[in-house]
Amino acid sequence: MKHGMLRTSLLPLLAALGCSNAGAQTTLAQNNAELLRELQSVQGLNPSQMQKIRAIFAGSRIIGQGNPAVAQHPVTPDQCQAKLQQQGVDYANPRLERICGAKYMAPLYNPATEKPEDAKACIDQFEFPNIPCTYPVVWVKAQEAAQLCAAEGKRLCDANEWEDACQGTTQPPDYRFDLAVGVPPEVGIQRMRAAHNQAHAANKR
């Protein structure tokens, strides 16, 4: 895997619930087993990577694609794939795979001055497991999200990289993380917010 690869996640950082349903947990385990089989097949992960990912899933009672006892997905993966095929949408991109070293990733670069090949990092196009038409994994703690990224040879993106991906172009870093050093989190957040807003006072978006 190419160094500098990023993964980002919209996974809710939620703590485990205090109640459980034995029957639902069994179904959740089955769903997760199928999900991990798909992950290994699509992303081509090796046995060592999969062992780490399975251990992360096994350490949680709730991580997965939603509680199967109550989750109601609007469409099935097969229906989603059929719609993409009908619309002529294909997320496979050999050029980006060569640049990023993995499937369904997008390079971070400035299209005004750079080519995709100039990117120093890439970001997943979809939430974990980063597979089109596959529902994202939810109920994931921050530490678990970081561990899942690391298991794939990736990492969580920082705030600047996340905004670059959303904007479709790289910009100079403008988050003053140094302002949060040595102070309580709430003070650091206030300082960083004030500095960020002041820097962009003329361009309020």
N, C-alpha and C. Protein backbone atom coordinates (compact mmCIF):
# COMPACT_ATOMS: atom_id res chain seq x y z
N MET A 1 0.84 -1.19 0.00
CA MET A 1 0.00 0.00 0.00
C MET A 1 0.88 1.23 0.00
N LYS A 2 0.55 2.19 -0.82
CA LYS A 2 1.33 3.40 -0.95
C LYS A 2 1.31 4.19 0.35
N HIS A 3 2.47 4.73 0.76
CA HIS A 3 2.53 5.52 1.99
C HIS A 3 1.74 6.80 1.82
N GLY A 4 1.17 7.26 2.91
CA GLY A 4 0.41 8.52 2.89
C GLY A 4 -1.04 8.34 2.55
N MET A 5 -1.47 7.10 2.26
CA MET A 5 -2.86 6.89 1.94
C MET A 5 -3.73 7.23 3.14
N LEU A 6 -4.87 7.84 2.88
CA LEU A 6 -5.76 8.24 3.94
C LEU A 6 -7.04 7.43 3.91
N ARG A 7 -7.69 7.36 5.03
CA ARG A 7 -9.06 6.91 5.03
C ARG A 7 -9.79 7.85 5.93
N THR A 8 -10.96 8.17 5.53
CA THR A 8 -11.77 9.02 6.37
C THR A 8 -13.05 8.29 6.67
N SER A 9 -13.72 8.73 7.67
CA SER A 9 -14.90 8.00 8.11
C SER A 9 -15.93 8.94 8.68
N LEU A 10 -17.18 8.66 8.32
CA LEU A 10 -18.30 9.38 8.90
C LEU A 10 -18.94 8.55 10.01
N LEU A 11 -18.17 7.60 10.52
CA LEU A 11 -18.72 6.67 11.49
C LEU A 11 -19.07 7.40 12.78
N PRO A 12 -20.27 7.18 13.31
CA PRO A 12 -20.63 7.79 14.60
C PRO A 12 -19.71 7.28 15.70
N LEU A 13 -19.18 8.18 16.49
CA LEU A 13 -18.29 7.79 17.57
C LEU A 13 -19.13 7.62 18.82
N LEU A 14 -19.74 6.46 18.95
CA LEU A 14 -20.72 6.22 20.00
C LEU A 14 -20.27 5.09 20.91
N ALA A 15 -20.57 5.21 22.16
CA ALA A 15 -20.21 4.17 23.12
C ALA A 15 -21.19 3.02 23.02
N ALA A 16 -20.78 1.86 23.52
CA ALA A 16 -21.63 0.67 23.48
C ALA A 16 -22.87 0.88 24.34
N LEU A 17 -23.98 0.37 23.87
CA LEU A 17 -25.23 0.45 24.64
C LEU A 17 -25.18 -0.52 25.81
N GLY A 18 -25.96 -0.23 26.82
CA GLY A 18 -25.94 -1.05 28.02
C GLY A 18 -26.85 -2.26 27.94
N CYS A 19 -27.60 -2.41 26.87
CA CYS A 19 -28.49 -3.56 26.76
C CYS A 19 -28.12 -4.37 25.53
N SER A 20 -28.60 -5.58 25.47
CA SER A 20 -28.27 -6.45 24.35
C SER A 20 -29.43 -7.38 24.06
N ASN A 21 -29.38 -7.96 22.88
CA ASN A 21 -30.38 -8.92 22.46
C ASN A 21 -29.62 -10.10 21.87
N ALA A 22 -29.64 -11.23 22.53
CA ALA A 22 -28.81 -12.35 22.12
C ALA A 22 -29.11 -12.78 20.69
N GLY A 23 -30.40 -12.82 20.34
CA GLY A 23 -30.75 -13.23 18.99
C GLY A 23 -30.24 -12.27 17.94
N ALA A 24 -30.39 -10.96 18.23
CA ALA A 24 -29.92 -9.95 17.29
C ALA A 24 -28.41 -9.99 17.16
N GLN A 25 -27.70 -10.25 18.29
CA GLN A 25 -26.25 -10.29 18.25
C GLN A 25 -25.78 -11.41 17.34
N THR A 26 -26.47 -12.56 17.37
CA THR A 26 -26.09 -13.67 16.50
C THR A 26 -26.23 -13.26 15.05
N THR A 27 -27.32 -12.60 14.71
CA THR A 27 -27.54 -12.13 13.34
C THR A 27 -26.52 -11.07 12.98
N LEU A 28 -26.19 -10.19 13.91
CA LEU A 28 -25.18 -9.17 13.67
C LEU A 28 -23.84 -9.82 13.36
N ALA A 29 -23.50 -10.85 14.11
CA ALA A 29 -22.24 -11.56 13.87
C ALA A 29 -22.22 -12.18 12.48
N GLN A 30 -23.36 -12.74 12.06
CA GLN A 30 -23.44 -13.33 10.72
C GLN A 30 -23.30 -12.26 9.65
N ASN A 31 -23.98 -11.13 9.87
CA ASN A 31 -23.87 -10.03 8.90
C ASN A 31 -22.43 -9.52 8.81
N ASN A 32 -21.78 -9.40 9.96
CA ASN A 32 -20.40 -8.92 9.96
C ASN A 32 -19.47 -9.89 9.26
N ALA A 33 -19.71 -11.18 9.45
CA ALA A 33 -18.88 -12.18 8.79
C ALA A 33 -18.99 -12.06 7.28
N GLU A 34 -20.21 -11.84 6.78
CA GLU A 34 -20.41 -11.67 5.35
C GLU A 34 -19.77 -10.37 4.86
N LEU A 35 -19.90 -9.31 5.66
CA LEU A 35 -19.29 -8.03 5.32
C LEU A 35 -17.78 -8.16 5.19
N LEU A 36 -17.16 -8.85 6.14
CA LEU A 36 -15.70 -8.99 6.11
C LEU A 36 -15.24 -9.88 4.97
N ARG A 37 -16.04 -10.86 4.59
CA ARG A 37 -15.71 -11.66 3.41
C ARG A 37 -15.73 -10.78 2.16
N GLU A 38 -16.73 -9.90 2.07
CA GLU A 38 -16.81 -8.98 0.93
C GLU A 38 -15.64 -8.01 0.94
N LEU A 39 -15.29 -7.51 2.11
CA LEU A 39 -14.18 -6.58 2.23
C LEU A 39 -12.89 -7.20 1.72
N GLN A 40 -12.61 -8.42 2.15
CA GLN A 40 -11.38 -9.08 1.72
C GLN A 40 -11.39 -9.34 0.21
N SER A 41 -12.54 -9.73 -0.32
CA SER A 41 -12.64 -10.03 -1.74
C SER A 41 -12.47 -8.79 -2.60
N VAL A 42 -13.17 -7.71 -2.24
CA VAL A 42 -13.16 -6.50 -3.07
C VAL A 42 -11.85 -5.73 -2.93
N GLN A 43 -11.38 -5.56 -1.69
CA GLN A 43 -10.18 -4.75 -1.45
C GLN A 43 -8.89 -5.55 -1.52
N GLY A 44 -9.00 -6.87 -1.61
CA GLY A 44 -7.79 -7.69 -1.75
C GLY A 44 -6.88 -7.65 -0.54
N LEU A 45 -7.46 -7.59 0.66
CA LEU A 45 -6.65 -7.53 1.87
C LEU A 45 -6.05 -8.90 2.19
N ASN A 46 -4.85 -8.89 2.78
CA ASN A 46 -4.18 -10.15 3.06
C ASN A 46 -4.66 -10.72 4.40
N PRO A 47 -4.32 -11.98 4.69
CA PRO A 47 -4.80 -12.62 5.92
C PRO A 47 -4.42 -11.86 7.19
N SER A 48 -3.23 -11.27 7.23
CA SER A 48 -2.81 -10.53 8.41
C SER A 48 -3.68 -9.30 8.63
N GLN A 49 -4.00 -8.60 7.56
CA GLN A 49 -4.87 -7.44 7.67
C GLN A 49 -6.26 -7.85 8.14
N MET A 50 -6.78 -8.92 7.57
CA MET A 50 -8.11 -9.38 7.94
C MET A 50 -8.15 -9.86 9.38
N GLN A 51 -7.08 -10.46 9.87
CA GLN A 51 -7.04 -10.91 11.26
C GLN A 51 -7.18 -9.72 12.20
N LYS A 52 -6.51 -8.61 11.89
CA LYS A 52 -6.60 -7.42 12.72
C LYS A 52 -8.01 -6.82 12.67
N ILE A 53 -8.60 -6.79 11.49
CA ILE A 53 -9.93 -6.22 11.35
C ILE A 53 -10.97 -7.08 12.06
N ARG A 54 -10.85 -8.39 11.93
CA ARG A 54 -11.79 -9.28 12.61
C ARG A 54 -11.68 -9.12 14.13
N ALA A 55 -10.47 -8.91 14.63
CA ALA A 55 -10.29 -8.73 16.07
C ALA A 55 -10.97 -7.45 16.55
N ILE A 56 -10.93 -6.41 15.75
CA ILE A 56 -11.60 -5.15 16.11
C ILE A 56 -13.11 -5.37 16.17
N PHE A 57 -13.66 -6.04 15.18
CA PHE A 57 -15.09 -6.33 15.17
C PHE A 57 -15.47 -7.22 16.35
N ALA A 58 -14.63 -8.21 16.63
CA ALA A 58 -14.93 -9.15 17.72
C ALA A 58 -14.91 -8.46 19.08
N GLY A 59 -14.19 -7.37 19.19
CA GLY A 59 -14.09 -6.67 20.46
C GLY A 59 -15.26 -5.75 20.76
N SER A 60 -16.22 -5.66 19.84
CA SER A 60 -17.39 -4.79 20.04
C SER A 60 -18.67 -5.60 19.95
N ARG A 61 -19.66 -5.22 20.75
CA ARG A 61 -20.96 -5.89 20.70
C ARG A 61 -21.90 -5.24 19.71
N ILE A 62 -21.53 -4.06 19.17
CA ILE A 62 -22.49 -3.30 18.36
C ILE A 62 -21.96 -2.85 17.00
N ILE A 63 -20.66 -2.94 16.77
CA ILE A 63 -20.12 -2.50 15.51
C ILE A 63 -20.70 -3.33 14.36
N GLY A 64 -21.07 -2.68 13.29
CA GLY A 64 -21.64 -3.38 12.14
C GLY A 64 -22.41 -2.41 11.26
N GLN A 65 -23.26 -2.92 10.41
CA GLN A 65 -24.04 -2.10 9.49
C GLN A 65 -25.43 -1.80 10.04
N GLY A 66 -25.51 -1.60 11.32
CA GLY A 66 -26.80 -1.33 11.95
C GLY A 66 -27.33 -2.55 12.66
N ASN A 67 -28.20 -2.32 13.63
CA ASN A 67 -28.82 -3.41 14.38
C ASN A 67 -29.79 -4.14 13.45
N PRO A 68 -29.51 -5.39 13.10
CA PRO A 68 -30.38 -6.10 12.16
C PRO A 68 -31.79 -6.32 12.67
N ALA A 69 -32.00 -6.17 13.99
CA ALA A 69 -33.34 -6.35 14.55
C ALA A 69 -34.25 -5.17 14.23
N VAL A 70 -33.68 -4.01 13.96
CA VAL A 70 -34.50 -2.81 13.74
C VAL A 70 -34.12 -2.04 12.48
N ALA A 71 -32.93 -2.27 11.93
CA ALA A 71 -32.48 -1.50 10.77
C ALA A 71 -33.36 -1.76 9.55
N GLN A 72 -33.75 -0.70 8.87
CA GLN A 72 -34.56 -0.81 7.65
C GLN A 72 -33.87 0.00 6.56
N HIS A 73 -33.10 -0.68 5.71
CA HIS A 73 -32.38 -0.01 4.64
C HIS A 73 -33.34 0.26 3.47
N PRO A 74 -33.25 1.44 2.84
CA PRO A 74 -34.18 1.79 1.76
C PRO A 74 -34.03 0.94 0.51
N VAL A 75 -32.81 0.49 0.22
CA VAL A 75 -32.59 -0.38 -0.94
C VAL A 75 -31.56 -1.44 -0.56
N THR A 76 -31.56 -2.53 -1.29
CA THR A 76 -30.56 -3.57 -1.07
C THR A 76 -29.33 -3.25 -1.91
N PRO A 77 -28.18 -3.82 -1.57
CA PRO A 77 -27.00 -3.64 -2.41
C PRO A 77 -27.25 -4.04 -3.86
N ASP A 78 -28.00 -5.12 -4.07
CA ASP A 78 -28.29 -5.55 -5.45
C ASP A 78 -29.12 -4.51 -6.19
N GLN A 79 -30.10 -3.91 -5.51
CA GLN A 79 -30.91 -2.86 -6.15
C GLN A 79 -30.05 -1.64 -6.47
N CYS A 80 -29.13 -1.31 -5.57
CA CYS A 80 -28.22 -0.19 -5.81
C CYS A 80 -27.34 -0.46 -7.02
N GLN A 81 -26.77 -1.65 -7.10
CA GLN A 81 -25.92 -2.00 -8.23
C GLN A 81 -26.70 -1.95 -9.55
N ALA A 82 -27.95 -2.42 -9.51
CA ALA A 82 -28.78 -2.40 -10.71
C ALA A 82 -29.04 -0.97 -11.16
N LYS A 83 -29.26 -0.06 -10.22
CA LYS A 83 -29.51 1.34 -10.56
C LYS A 83 -28.26 1.98 -11.15
N LEU A 84 -27.10 1.68 -10.59
CA LEU A 84 -25.85 2.21 -11.13
C LEU A 84 -25.63 1.72 -12.56
N GLN A 85 -25.91 0.43 -12.76
CA GLN A 85 -25.74 -0.14 -14.10
C GLN A 85 -26.70 0.51 -15.09
N GLN A 86 -27.93 0.74 -14.64
CA GLN A 86 -28.92 1.39 -15.49
C GLN A 86 -28.49 2.80 -15.88
N GLN A 87 -27.84 3.50 -14.94
CA GLN A 87 -27.40 4.86 -15.18
C GLN A 87 -26.01 4.94 -15.81
N GLY A 88 -25.39 3.80 -16.02
CA GLY A 88 -24.06 3.78 -16.62
C GLY A 88 -22.96 4.28 -15.71
N VAL A 89 -23.14 4.12 -14.40
CA VAL A 89 -22.16 4.59 -13.42
C VAL A 89 -21.25 3.43 -13.02
N ASP A 90 -19.95 3.65 -13.13
CA ASP A 90 -18.97 2.65 -12.73
C ASP A 90 -17.86 3.35 -11.95
N TYR A 91 -17.68 2.99 -10.69
CA TYR A 91 -16.69 3.65 -9.85
C TYR A 91 -15.28 3.09 -10.03
N ALA A 92 -15.15 2.02 -10.79
CA ALA A 92 -13.82 1.48 -11.04
C ALA A 92 -13.02 2.48 -11.87
N ASN A 93 -11.79 2.74 -11.48
CA ASN A 93 -10.96 3.72 -12.18
C ASN A 93 -9.51 3.25 -12.12
N PRO A 94 -9.04 2.56 -13.17
CA PRO A 94 -7.67 2.02 -13.16
C PRO A 94 -6.61 3.10 -12.94
N ARG A 95 -6.82 4.31 -13.47
CA ARG A 95 -5.83 5.37 -13.28
C ARG A 95 -5.69 5.73 -11.81
N LEU A 96 -6.83 5.91 -11.13
CA LEU A 96 -6.77 6.27 -9.72
C LEU A 96 -6.24 5.11 -8.88
N GLU A 97 -6.52 3.88 -9.29
CA GLU A 97 -5.97 2.73 -8.56
C GLU A 97 -4.45 2.71 -8.65
N ARG A 98 -3.91 3.07 -9.82
CA ARG A 98 -2.45 3.13 -9.96
C ARG A 98 -1.87 4.22 -9.07
N ILE A 99 -2.55 5.36 -9.01
CA ILE A 99 -2.05 6.49 -8.22
C ILE A 99 -2.13 6.20 -6.73
N CYS A 100 -3.27 5.67 -6.30
CA CYS A 100 -3.54 5.51 -4.87
C CYS A 100 -3.14 4.15 -4.32
N GLY A 101 -2.97 3.17 -5.18
CA GLY A 101 -2.56 1.85 -4.71
C GLY A 101 -3.67 1.02 -4.13
N ALA A 102 -4.93 1.46 -4.32
CA ALA A 102 -6.07 0.70 -3.80
C ALA A 102 -7.32 1.13 -4.56
N LYS A 103 -8.37 0.32 -4.44
CA LYS A 103 -9.62 0.61 -5.14
C LYS A 103 -10.41 1.71 -4.44
N TYR A 104 -11.18 2.42 -5.24
CA TYR A 104 -12.17 3.40 -4.76
C TYR A 104 -11.55 4.46 -3.84
N MET A 105 -10.41 4.97 -4.28
CA MET A 105 -9.78 6.07 -3.57
C MET A 105 -9.60 7.23 -4.55
N ALA A 106 -9.54 8.43 -4.00
CA ALA A 106 -9.39 9.64 -4.82
C ALA A 106 -8.16 10.41 -4.37
N PRO A 107 -7.32 10.84 -5.31
CA PRO A 107 -6.14 11.62 -4.94
C PRO A 107 -6.51 13.03 -4.51
N LEU A 108 -5.77 13.56 -3.56
CA LEU A 108 -5.95 14.94 -3.11
C LEU A 108 -4.90 15.80 -3.81
N TYR A 109 -5.37 16.73 -4.64
CA TYR A 109 -4.45 17.61 -5.38
C TYR A 109 -5.20 18.87 -5.79
N ASN A 110 -4.47 19.85 -6.29
CA ASN A 110 -5.07 21.09 -6.76
C ASN A 110 -5.19 21.03 -8.28
N PRO A 111 -6.40 20.85 -8.83
CA PRO A 111 -6.55 20.71 -10.29
C PRO A 111 -6.11 21.93 -11.07
N ALA A 112 -5.99 23.09 -10.42
CA ALA A 112 -5.56 24.28 -11.13
C ALA A 112 -4.06 24.26 -11.43
N THR A 113 -3.30 23.54 -10.63
CA THR A 113 -1.85 23.55 -10.79
C THR A 113 -1.22 22.16 -10.83
N GLU A 114 -2.01 21.13 -10.57
CA GLU A 114 -1.45 19.79 -10.46
C GLU A 114 -2.28 18.77 -11.24
N LYS A 115 -1.67 17.61 -11.46
CA LYS A 115 -2.35 16.46 -12.02
C LYS A 115 -2.62 15.46 -10.89
N PRO A 116 -3.57 14.54 -11.09
CA PRO A 116 -3.82 13.55 -10.04
C PRO A 116 -2.55 12.81 -9.61
N GLU A 117 -1.65 12.59 -10.56
CA GLU A 117 -0.40 11.89 -10.24
C GLU A 117 0.49 12.67 -9.28
N ASP A 118 0.23 13.96 -9.12
CA ASP A 118 1.03 14.79 -8.21
C ASP A 118 0.57 14.66 -6.75
N ALA A 119 -0.54 14.00 -6.53
CA ALA A 119 -1.10 13.90 -5.18
C ALA A 119 -0.12 13.20 -4.24
N LYS A 120 -0.03 13.73 -3.04
CA LYS A 120 0.80 13.12 -2.01
C LYS A 120 -0.01 12.22 -1.08
N ALA A 121 -1.32 12.25 -1.23
CA ALA A 121 -2.18 11.41 -0.40
C ALA A 121 -3.48 11.16 -1.14
N CYS A 122 -4.18 10.11 -0.74
CA CYS A 122 -5.48 9.77 -1.31
C CYS A 122 -6.47 9.56 -0.17
N ILE A 123 -7.74 9.61 -0.52
CA ILE A 123 -8.79 9.43 0.49
C ILE A 123 -9.85 8.47 -0.05
N ASP A 124 -10.44 7.69 0.83
CA ASP A 124 -11.49 6.76 0.42
C ASP A 124 -12.67 7.54 -0.16
N GLN A 125 -13.29 7.01 -1.20
CA GLN A 125 -14.45 7.64 -1.80
C GLN A 125 -15.72 7.36 -1.01
N PHE A 126 -15.74 6.27 -0.27
CA PHE A 126 -16.92 5.87 0.49
C PHE A 126 -16.53 5.61 1.93
N GLU A 127 -17.54 5.62 2.80
CA GLU A 127 -17.29 5.25 4.19
C GLU A 127 -16.86 3.79 4.27
N PHE A 128 -16.15 3.45 5.33
CA PHE A 128 -15.72 2.07 5.53
C PHE A 128 -16.92 1.13 5.45
N PRO A 129 -16.84 0.07 4.64
CA PRO A 129 -15.64 -0.57 4.10
C PRO A 129 -15.20 -0.06 2.73
N ASN A 130 -15.65 1.11 2.31
CA ASN A 130 -15.22 1.72 1.05
C ASN A 130 -15.52 0.82 -0.15
N ILE A 131 -16.78 0.41 -0.22
CA ILE A 131 -17.25 -0.43 -1.34
C ILE A 131 -18.55 0.17 -1.86
N PRO A 132 -18.67 0.44 -3.15
CA PRO A 132 -19.91 1.00 -3.68
C PRO A 132 -21.11 0.12 -3.34
N CYS A 133 -22.22 0.75 -2.99
CA CYS A 133 -23.47 0.07 -2.71
C CYS A 133 -23.44 -0.81 -1.47
N THR A 134 -22.42 -0.67 -0.65
CA THR A 134 -22.34 -1.40 0.60
C THR A 134 -22.57 -0.42 1.74
N TYR A 135 -23.50 -0.73 2.62
CA TYR A 135 -23.81 0.18 3.72
C TYR A 135 -22.61 0.35 4.64
N PRO A 136 -22.39 1.57 5.14
CA PRO A 136 -21.21 1.82 5.97
C PRO A 136 -21.31 1.15 7.34
N VAL A 137 -20.17 0.94 7.92
CA VAL A 137 -20.10 0.40 9.27
C VAL A 137 -20.33 1.55 10.26
N VAL A 138 -21.20 1.31 11.25
CA VAL A 138 -21.56 2.34 12.22
C VAL A 138 -21.31 1.84 13.64
N TRP A 139 -21.61 2.71 14.62
CA TRP A 139 -21.38 2.41 16.03
C TRP A 139 -19.92 2.06 16.28
N VAL A 140 -19.05 2.93 15.76
CA VAL A 140 -17.61 2.72 15.87
C VAL A 140 -17.00 3.80 16.75
N LYS A 141 -16.18 3.42 17.69
CA LYS A 141 -15.47 4.37 18.54
C LYS A 141 -14.30 4.97 17.76
N ALA A 142 -13.84 6.13 18.21
CA ALA A 142 -12.73 6.81 17.53
C ALA A 142 -11.50 5.90 17.46
N GLN A 143 -11.19 5.23 18.57
CA GLN A 143 -10.02 4.36 18.59
C GLN A 143 -10.19 3.20 17.61
N GLU A 144 -11.40 2.65 17.53
CA GLU A 144 -11.65 1.55 16.60
C GLU A 144 -11.52 2.01 15.15
N ALA A 145 -12.01 3.23 14.86
CA ALA A 145 -11.88 3.76 13.50
C ALA A 145 -10.42 3.90 13.12
N ALA A 146 -9.60 4.41 14.02
CA ALA A 146 -8.17 4.55 13.75
C ALA A 146 -7.52 3.18 13.55
N GLN A 147 -7.94 2.20 14.34
CA GLN A 147 -7.38 0.86 14.22
C GLN A 147 -7.78 0.20 12.90
N LEU A 148 -9.02 0.41 12.47
CA LEU A 148 -9.46 -0.15 11.19
C LEU A 148 -8.65 0.43 10.04
N CYS A 149 -8.40 1.74 10.10
CA CYS A 149 -7.58 2.37 9.06
C CYS A 149 -6.18 1.78 9.07
N ALA A 150 -5.59 1.68 10.25
CA ALA A 150 -4.22 1.17 10.36
C ALA A 150 -4.11 -0.26 9.86
N ALA A 151 -5.15 -1.06 10.08
CA ALA A 151 -5.13 -2.45 9.64
C ALA A 151 -5.03 -2.55 8.12
N GLU A 152 -5.56 -1.53 7.43
CA GLU A 152 -5.50 -1.52 5.97
C GLU A 152 -4.27 -0.78 5.45
N GLY A 153 -3.41 -0.33 6.35
CA GLY A 153 -2.23 0.43 5.93
C GLY A 153 -2.56 1.87 5.64
N LYS A 154 -3.64 2.38 6.24
CA LYS A 154 -4.08 3.75 6.03
C LYS A 154 -4.12 4.46 7.37
N ARG A 155 -4.69 5.65 7.39
CA ARG A 155 -4.86 6.40 8.62
C ARG A 155 -6.07 7.31 8.47
N LEU A 156 -6.55 7.82 9.60
CA LEU A 156 -7.61 8.82 9.55
C LEU A 156 -7.04 10.11 9.01
N CYS A 157 -7.84 10.85 8.25
CA CYS A 157 -7.38 12.14 7.75
C CYS A 157 -7.51 13.20 8.83
N ASP A 158 -6.78 14.32 8.66
CA ASP A 158 -6.96 15.41 9.59
C ASP A 158 -7.98 16.39 9.02
N ALA A 159 -8.25 17.47 9.75
CA ALA A 159 -9.31 18.40 9.35
C ALA A 159 -9.01 19.05 8.01
N ASN A 160 -7.75 19.40 7.77
CA ASN A 160 -7.40 20.05 6.50
C ASN A 160 -7.62 19.10 5.32
N GLU A 161 -7.20 17.86 5.48
CA GLU A 161 -7.35 16.89 4.40
C GLU A 161 -8.82 16.59 4.13
N TRP A 162 -9.61 16.53 5.20
CA TRP A 162 -11.05 16.29 5.05
C TRP A 162 -11.68 17.41 4.24
N GLU A 163 -11.34 18.66 4.54
CA GLU A 163 -11.91 19.79 3.81
C GLU A 163 -11.40 19.81 2.37
N ASP A 164 -10.14 19.46 2.16
CA ASP A 164 -9.61 19.39 0.79
C ASP A 164 -10.43 18.41 -0.05
N ALA A 165 -10.73 17.24 0.54
CA ALA A 165 -11.51 16.24 -0.19
C ALA A 165 -12.90 16.76 -0.50
N CYS A 166 -13.52 17.44 0.46
CA CYS A 166 -14.87 17.97 0.24
C CYS A 166 -14.88 19.08 -0.80
N GLN A 167 -13.84 19.89 -0.83
CA GLN A 167 -13.77 21.01 -1.77
C GLN A 167 -13.31 20.58 -3.15
N GLY A 168 -12.67 19.42 -3.25
CA GLY A 168 -12.18 18.97 -4.54
C GLY A 168 -10.88 19.62 -4.94
N THR A 169 -10.20 20.24 -3.99
CA THR A 169 -8.90 20.84 -4.27
C THR A 169 -8.15 21.02 -2.96
N THR A 170 -6.83 20.92 -3.03
CA THR A 170 -6.03 21.13 -1.84
C THR A 170 -5.83 22.61 -1.59
N GLN A 171 -5.80 22.98 -0.33
CA GLN A 171 -5.56 24.36 0.09
C GLN A 171 -4.51 24.35 1.20
N PRO A 172 -3.82 25.48 1.40
CA PRO A 172 -2.85 25.53 2.49
C PRO A 172 -3.53 25.25 3.83
N PRO A 173 -2.90 24.48 4.70
CA PRO A 173 -3.49 24.21 6.02
C PRO A 173 -3.78 25.51 6.76
N ASP A 174 -4.96 25.60 7.35
CA ASP A 174 -5.31 26.83 8.06
C ASP A 174 -5.87 26.56 9.45
N TYR A 175 -5.68 25.35 9.95
CA TYR A 175 -6.10 25.07 11.31
C TYR A 175 -4.89 25.19 12.22
N ARG A 176 -4.98 26.06 13.20
CA ARG A 176 -3.86 26.34 14.10
C ARG A 176 -3.87 25.35 15.26
N PHE A 177 -3.44 24.12 14.99
CA PHE A 177 -3.42 23.11 16.04
C PHE A 177 -2.48 23.51 17.18
N ASP A 178 -1.51 24.38 16.89
CA ASP A 178 -0.59 24.81 17.94
C ASP A 178 -1.31 25.61 19.03
N LEU A 179 -2.46 26.20 18.68
CA LEU A 179 -3.20 26.99 19.65
C LEU A 179 -3.86 26.12 20.72
N ALA A 180 -3.91 24.81 20.50
CA ALA A 180 -4.55 23.91 21.44
C ALA A 180 -3.54 23.19 22.34
N VAL A 181 -2.27 23.50 22.16
CA VAL A 181 -1.24 22.82 22.94
C VAL A 181 -1.19 23.40 24.35
N GLY A 182 -1.24 22.52 25.35
CA GLY A 182 -1.06 22.93 26.73
C GLY A 182 -2.25 23.61 27.37
N VAL A 183 -3.42 23.57 26.74
CA VAL A 183 -4.62 24.19 27.32
C VAL A 183 -5.74 23.17 27.32
N PRO A 184 -6.79 23.38 28.13
CA PRO A 184 -7.93 22.46 28.11
C PRO A 184 -8.56 22.39 26.71
N PRO A 185 -9.16 21.26 26.34
CA PRO A 185 -9.74 21.10 25.00
C PRO A 185 -10.70 22.21 24.61
N GLU A 186 -11.58 22.63 25.54
CA GLU A 186 -12.56 23.65 25.18
C GLU A 186 -11.89 24.99 24.87
N VAL A 187 -10.78 25.28 25.57
CA VAL A 187 -10.04 26.52 25.30
C VAL A 187 -9.35 26.44 23.94
N GLY A 188 -8.74 25.28 23.67
CA GLY A 188 -8.08 25.10 22.38
C GLY A 188 -9.05 25.22 21.22
N ILE A 189 -10.23 24.63 21.38
CA ILE A 189 -11.25 24.71 20.33
C ILE A 189 -11.67 26.16 20.10
N GLN A 190 -11.88 26.91 21.17
CA GLN A 190 -12.26 28.32 21.04
C GLN A 190 -11.17 29.12 20.33
N ARG A 191 -9.92 28.88 20.70
CA ARG A 191 -8.81 29.59 20.07
C ARG A 191 -8.72 29.27 18.58
N MET A 192 -8.81 27.99 18.26
CA MET A 192 -8.70 27.57 16.86
C MET A 192 -9.87 28.11 16.04
N ARG A 193 -11.08 28.08 16.60
CA ARG A 193 -12.25 28.60 15.89
C ARG A 193 -12.09 30.09 15.61
N ALA A 194 -11.63 30.84 16.61
CA ALA A 194 -11.47 32.28 16.44
C ALA A 194 -10.43 32.59 15.37
N ALA A 195 -9.31 31.87 15.39
CA ALA A 195 -8.26 32.10 14.39
C ALA A 195 -8.74 31.74 12.99
N HIS A 196 -9.49 30.64 12.89
CA HIS A 196 -10.00 30.20 11.59
C HIS A 196 -11.00 31.22 11.03
N ASN A 197 -11.93 31.67 11.88
CA ASN A 197 -12.94 32.63 11.42
C ASN A 197 -12.31 33.97 11.05
N GLN A 198 -11.31 34.39 11.80
CA GLN A 198 -10.64 35.65 11.49
C GLN A 198 -9.92 35.57 10.15
N ALA A 199 -9.28 34.43 9.89
CA ALA A 199 -8.56 34.27 8.63
C ALA A 199 -9.49 34.26 7.43
N HIS A 200 -10.73 33.86 7.64
CA HIS A 200 -11.68 33.75 6.53
C HIS A 200 -12.83 34.77 6.64
N ALA A 201 -12.59 35.84 7.37
CA ALA A 201 -13.64 36.84 7.56
C ALA A 201 -14.13 37.45 6.25
N ALA A 202 -13.24 37.54 5.27
CA ALA A 202 -13.61 38.15 3.99
C ALA A 202 -14.25 37.15 3.03
N ASN A 203 -14.26 35.89 3.41
CA ASN A 203 -14.77 34.85 2.51
C ASN A 203 -15.62 33.87 3.31
N LYS A 204 -16.77 34.35 3.79
CA LYS A 204 -17.62 33.53 4.65
C LYS A 204 -18.43 32.54 3.80
N ARG A 205 -18.11 31.26 3.93
CA ARG A 205 -18.82 30.23 3.18
C ARG A 205 -19.51 29.29 4.15
